[in-house]
Amino acid sequence: MKYRNVLGIDFGGSGIKGAPVDTKEGSLLTERYRIPTPVPATPEDVSGVISQISVHFKWKGPVGLAFPAVVQRGFVKTASNIDKSWIGINASKLIMDKTGLPTYVVNDADAAGMAEMKFGAGKGKKGSVLLITVGTGIGTVFFTKGKLVPNTELGHVYLKSGIEAEDFASDAVRQNEGLEWEEWARRFNVYLHEMEKLFWPELIIIGGGMSKKPRKFLEQITINTKIVMAKAKNEAGIIGAALATKANRDFFR
């Protein structure tokens, strides 16, 4: 299957958004189209929204979906931040059946990481790079020598306090607990020290909503690893989903 443009879709906690992507340039070909995420976000309802997005663009080509869970060969393996009914579902097949379009599904953090390594802050970096997305949860992506290690779930590591990292230092925790920025930053610093100790990356890229607010927390960060903010911002999942689809075109054979 030869193609350059892919409909990239990002399945988020509050919205499902998509746009056609030029995979060579890493750019959106139109404005994003967004539909609120159904509550509950069941397979049937979410696949229906994705179908609506494809119809909106009158799309006839392949679809790439950034999905908030571990995904292996199209099958959903975890459901930390989505409806539990997704576990065991072949998301690729479900969406292909709903839309009639070939669909590749990739972990959402991995998608963002692919966009960032190809076109953003990680471009040209060949050493070990850790991308950390901070939002409702904590997502992680690890690259070594430019190659993705898929489905890392380092937001679920347990810290010395005995609590999972994303239950301690996500942006959702900051908001729900009413933490001041300085207090939240100290928590995030604990997590970053753990990542540095375990993986010794040469570069850490901060993505998600926190990449827009470095002045709020960077002064509290004391790790030795170089830290930069992601560049792709809100478009990373869409672009990365399209790139993953392009890179895995054999999946459709």
Protein backbone atom coordinates (compact mmCIF):
# COMPACT_ATOMS: atom_id res chain seq x y z
CA MET A 1 0.00 0.00 0.00
CA LYS A 2 1.57 3.26 -1.15
CA TYR A 3 0.33 6.51 0.29
CA ARG A 4 1.65 9.77 1.68
CA ASN A 5 -1.37 11.24 3.44
CA VAL A 6 -3.03 9.54 6.42
CA LEU A 7 -6.03 10.57 8.52
CA GLY A 8 -4.52 10.91 11.99
CA ILE A 9 -6.88 10.68 14.98
CA ASP A 10 -6.08 11.23 18.65
CA PHE A 11 -8.40 9.57 21.22
CA GLY A 12 -8.18 11.78 24.30
CA GLY A 13 -9.97 11.90 27.63
CA SER A 14 -12.13 14.90 26.75
CA GLY A 15 -12.08 14.91 22.97
CA ILE A 16 -11.41 12.79 19.91
CA LYS A 17 -9.77 14.92 17.25
CA GLY A 18 -8.37 14.28 13.82
CA ALA A 19 -7.03 15.73 10.59
CA PRO A 20 -5.41 14.52 7.38
CA VAL A 21 -1.63 14.50 7.76
CA ASP A 22 1.14 14.89 5.22
CA THR A 23 3.49 12.23 6.62
CA LYS A 24 6.49 13.52 4.67
CA GLU A 25 6.23 17.06 6.03
CA GLY A 26 4.67 16.22 9.38
CA SER A 27 1.95 18.81 8.92
CA LEU A 28 -1.83 18.90 9.06
CA LEU A 29 -3.52 19.40 5.70
CA THR A 30 -6.63 20.99 7.24
CA GLU A 31 -7.87 22.30 10.57
CA ARG A 32 -8.45 19.64 13.23
CA TYR A 33 -11.98 18.36 13.67
CA ARG A 34 -12.93 17.53 17.26
CA ILE A 35 -15.85 15.66 18.83
CA PRO A 36 -16.23 15.31 22.63
CA THR A 37 -15.26 11.88 23.92
CA PRO A 38 -18.38 9.82 24.76
CA VAL A 39 -19.09 9.06 28.41
CA PRO A 40 -18.66 6.21 28.98
CA ALA A 41 -16.10 5.81 26.19
CA THR A 42 -17.19 2.34 25.09
CA PRO A 43 -15.80 0.62 21.98
CA GLU A 44 -19.09 1.06 20.12
CA ASP A 45 -19.44 4.75 20.91
CA VAL A 46 -15.79 5.66 20.32
CA SER A 47 -15.64 3.80 17.01
CA GLY A 48 -18.80 5.66 16.03
CA VAL A 49 -17.12 9.01 16.71
CA ILE A 50 -14.08 7.96 14.67
CA SER A 51 -16.40 7.06 11.82
CA GLN A 52 -17.98 10.52 12.07
CA ILE A 53 -14.53 12.13 11.79
CA SER A 54 -13.68 10.09 8.70
CA VAL A 55 -17.03 11.06 7.12
CA HIS A 56 -16.42 14.72 7.98
CA PHE A 57 -13.23 14.65 5.90
CA LYS A 58 -14.79 12.39 3.22
CA TRP A 59 -11.73 10.22 3.82
CA LYS A 60 -11.00 7.20 1.61
CA GLY A 61 -7.45 6.31 2.65
CA PRO A 62 -5.77 4.78 5.72
CA VAL A 63 -6.48 5.90 9.29
CA GLY A 64 -4.00 6.10 12.16
CA LEU A 65 -5.38 6.18 15.71
CA ALA A 66 -3.45 7.28 18.81
CA PHE A 67 -5.00 5.22 21.61
CA PRO A 68 -4.65 5.75 25.40
CA ALA A 69 -3.65 2.19 26.31
CA VAL A 70 -1.12 -0.54 25.57
CA VAL A 71 -1.84 -1.84 22.06
CA GLN A 72 -0.25 -4.93 20.47
CA ARG A 73 -1.05 -5.85 16.87
CA GLY A 74 -4.28 -3.90 17.15
CA PHE A 75 -5.46 -5.50 20.41
CA VAL A 76 -6.06 -3.36 23.51
CA LYS A 77 -4.24 -4.79 26.53
CA THR A 78 -4.82 -2.24 29.31
CA ALA A 79 -7.46 0.25 30.38
CA SER A 80 -6.08 2.55 33.06
CA ASN A 81 -7.79 5.67 31.73
CA ILE A 82 -10.47 4.24 29.41
CA ASP A 83 -13.56 2.04 29.74
CA LYS A 84 -12.61 -1.48 30.87
CA SER A 85 -14.71 -2.99 28.08
CA TRP A 86 -11.86 -2.17 25.66
CA ILE A 87 -9.56 -4.84 27.10
CA GLY A 88 -9.11 -7.68 24.62
CA ILE A 89 -10.81 -5.79 21.79
CA ASN A 90 -9.14 -5.73 18.38
CA ALA A 91 -9.44 -1.96 18.03
CA SER A 92 -7.99 -1.93 14.53
CA LYS A 93 -10.58 -4.42 13.26
CA LEU A 94 -13.43 -2.73 15.11
CA ILE A 95 -12.68 0.63 13.53
CA MET A 96 -11.99 -0.88 10.10
CA ASP A 97 -15.41 -2.55 10.27
CA LYS A 98 -17.07 0.70 11.36
CA THR A 99 -15.38 3.00 8.84
CA GLY A 100 -14.56 0.65 5.99
CA LEU A 101 -11.03 2.06 6.05
CA PRO A 102 -7.69 0.37 6.85
CA THR A 103 -6.77 1.42 10.40
CA TYR A 104 -3.60 1.17 12.45
CA VAL A 105 -3.82 1.72 16.22
CA VAL A 106 -0.83 2.83 18.29
CA ASN A 107 -0.34 3.78 21.94
CA ASP A 108 -0.97 7.53 22.22
CA ALA A 109 2.28 8.34 24.00
CA ASP A 110 4.22 6.34 21.40
CA ALA A 111 2.46 8.34 18.68
CA ALA A 112 3.41 11.64 20.31
CA GLY A 113 6.98 10.40 20.67
CA MET A 114 7.24 9.44 17.02
CA ALA A 115 6.11 12.91 15.98
CA GLU A 116 8.55 14.54 18.38
CA MET A 117 11.50 12.42 17.24
CA LYS A 118 10.76 12.92 13.55
CA PHE A 119 9.85 16.60 13.47
CA GLY A 120 10.20 18.06 16.96
CA ALA A 121 12.57 18.35 19.91
CA GLY A 122 14.04 14.88 19.36
CA LYS A 123 14.85 15.33 15.69
CA GLY A 124 18.33 14.00 14.91
CA LYS A 125 18.89 12.59 18.41
CA LYS A 126 20.48 9.13 18.24
CA GLY A 127 21.14 8.47 21.91
CA SER A 128 18.60 7.38 24.51
CA VAL A 129 15.63 9.77 24.70
CA LEU A 130 12.74 9.64 27.15
CA LEU A 131 9.57 11.54 26.36
CA ILE A 132 7.19 12.08 29.29
CA THR A 133 3.67 13.35 28.64
CA VAL A 134 1.95 14.85 31.67
CA GLY A 135 -1.82 15.23 31.73
CA THR A 136 -4.64 13.09 33.11
CA GLY A 137 -1.97 10.45 33.61
CA ILE A 138 1.75 10.17 32.91
CA GLY A 139 2.69 8.65 29.57
CA THR A 140 6.20 7.66 28.57
CA VAL A 141 8.04 6.89 25.35
CA PHE A 142 11.59 5.57 25.17
CA PHE A 143 13.85 5.69 22.13
CA THR A 144 17.34 4.26 21.81
CA LYS A 145 19.44 4.88 18.71
CA GLY A 146 16.33 6.38 17.13
CA LYS A 147 14.30 3.20 17.62
CA LEU A 148 11.08 3.10 19.62
CA VAL A 149 10.66 0.72 22.55
CA PRO A 150 6.85 0.41 22.32
CA ASN A 151 4.26 0.48 25.07
CA THR A 152 6.41 1.59 27.98
CA GLU A 153 4.14 2.30 30.94
CA LEU A 154 6.55 4.12 33.22
CA GLY A 155 3.82 6.31 34.62
CA HIS A 156 2.81 3.20 36.57
CA VAL A 157 6.12 2.59 38.31
CA TYR A 158 5.92 2.61 42.09
CA LEU A 159 7.90 5.28 43.89
CA LYS A 160 9.51 4.88 47.31
CA SER A 161 6.35 6.17 48.92
CA GLY A 162 4.55 3.06 47.61
CA ILE A 163 2.31 5.02 45.24
CA GLU A 164 2.15 4.85 41.46
CA ALA A 165 3.84 7.78 39.77
CA GLU A 166 0.76 9.05 37.94
CA ASP A 167 -1.25 8.91 41.16
CA PHE A 168 1.43 11.11 42.73
CA ALA A 169 2.56 13.56 40.05
CA SER A 170 0.13 13.79 37.14
CA ASP A 171 -1.54 17.10 36.25
CA ALA A 172 -4.89 15.57 37.23
CA VAL A 173 -3.51 14.98 40.74
CA ARG A 174 -2.26 18.59 40.89
CA GLN A 175 -5.73 19.86 40.06
CA ASN A 176 -7.72 17.38 42.14
CA GLU A 177 -5.61 17.93 45.25
CA GLY A 178 -5.36 21.68 44.74
CA LEU A 179 -1.55 21.58 44.80
CA GLU A 180 0.43 24.76 44.36
CA TRP A 181 2.78 24.64 41.40
CA GLU A 182 5.86 24.49 43.62
CA GLU A 183 4.49 21.53 45.58
CA TRP A 184 3.52 19.68 42.40
CA ALA A 185 6.95 20.38 40.87
CA ARG A 186 8.67 18.79 43.86
CA ARG A 187 6.60 15.67 43.31
CA PHE A 188 7.41 15.63 39.61
CA ASN A 189 11.07 16.05 40.49
CA VAL A 190 10.91 12.85 42.59
CA TYR A 191 9.55 11.01 39.57
CA LEU A 192 12.19 12.41 37.21
CA HIS A 193 14.97 11.35 39.58
CA GLU A 194 13.56 7.81 39.50
CA MET A 195 13.53 7.82 35.68
CA GLU A 196 17.08 9.14 35.58
CA LYS A 197 18.28 6.49 38.02
CA LEU A 198 16.64 3.64 36.10
CA PHE A 199 17.33 4.61 32.48
CA TRP A 200 20.05 7.30 32.36
CA PRO A 201 18.60 8.95 29.25
CA GLU A 202 20.66 11.52 27.40
CA LEU A 203 17.61 13.72 26.88
CA ILE A 204 14.17 14.05 28.49
CA ILE A 205 11.38 15.70 26.51
CA ILE A 206 8.34 16.94 28.43
CA GLY A 207 5.08 16.74 26.49
CA GLY A 208 1.39 17.10 27.20
CA GLY A 209 -0.10 20.20 28.77
CA MET A 210 2.96 20.76 30.95
CA SER A 211 5.10 21.49 27.91
CA LYS A 212 3.28 24.82 27.66
CA LYS A 213 4.11 25.84 31.24
CA PRO A 214 7.85 25.29 31.85
CA ARG A 215 8.17 28.44 33.97
CA LYS A 216 5.71 26.94 36.46
CA PHE A 217 7.94 24.01 37.43
CA LEU A 218 11.41 23.87 35.85
CA GLU A 219 13.12 25.77 38.67
CA GLN A 220 12.24 22.92 41.04
CA ILE A 221 13.78 20.20 38.84
CA THR A 222 17.23 19.06 39.97
CA ILE A 223 18.12 16.10 37.73
CA ASN A 224 21.31 16.11 35.67
CA THR A 225 19.71 15.00 32.42
CA LYS A 226 18.99 17.73 29.89
CA ILE A 227 15.28 18.62 29.71
CA VAL A 228 13.50 20.27 26.78
CA MET A 229 9.85 20.94 26.04
CA ALA A 230 8.02 19.15 23.23
CA LYS A 231 7.41 21.15 20.07
CA ALA A 232 4.49 19.32 18.42
CA LYS A 233 2.08 20.27 21.27
CA ASN A 234 -1.58 19.37 20.65
CA GLU A 235 -0.94 18.02 17.17
CA ALA A 236 1.60 15.39 18.27
CA GLY A 237 -0.86 12.52 18.66
CA ILE A 238 -2.50 13.17 15.30
CA ILE A 239 0.81 13.46 13.44
CA GLY A 240 2.36 10.52 15.26
CA ALA A 241 -0.62 8.25 14.58
CA ALA A 242 -0.26 9.01 10.88
CA LEU A 243 3.51 8.37 10.99
CA ALA A 244 2.99 5.04 12.78
CA THR A 245 0.49 3.99 10.14
CA LYS A 246 2.92 4.89 7.37
CA ALA A 247 5.76 3.03 9.10
CA ASN A 248 3.63 -0.09 9.63
CA ARG A 249 1.94 -0.35 6.26
CA ASP A 250 2.72 -4.10 6.19
CA PHE A 251 0.10 -4.40 8.96
CA PHE A 252 -2.59 -4.11 6.29
CA ARG A 253 -1.36 -7.01 4.17
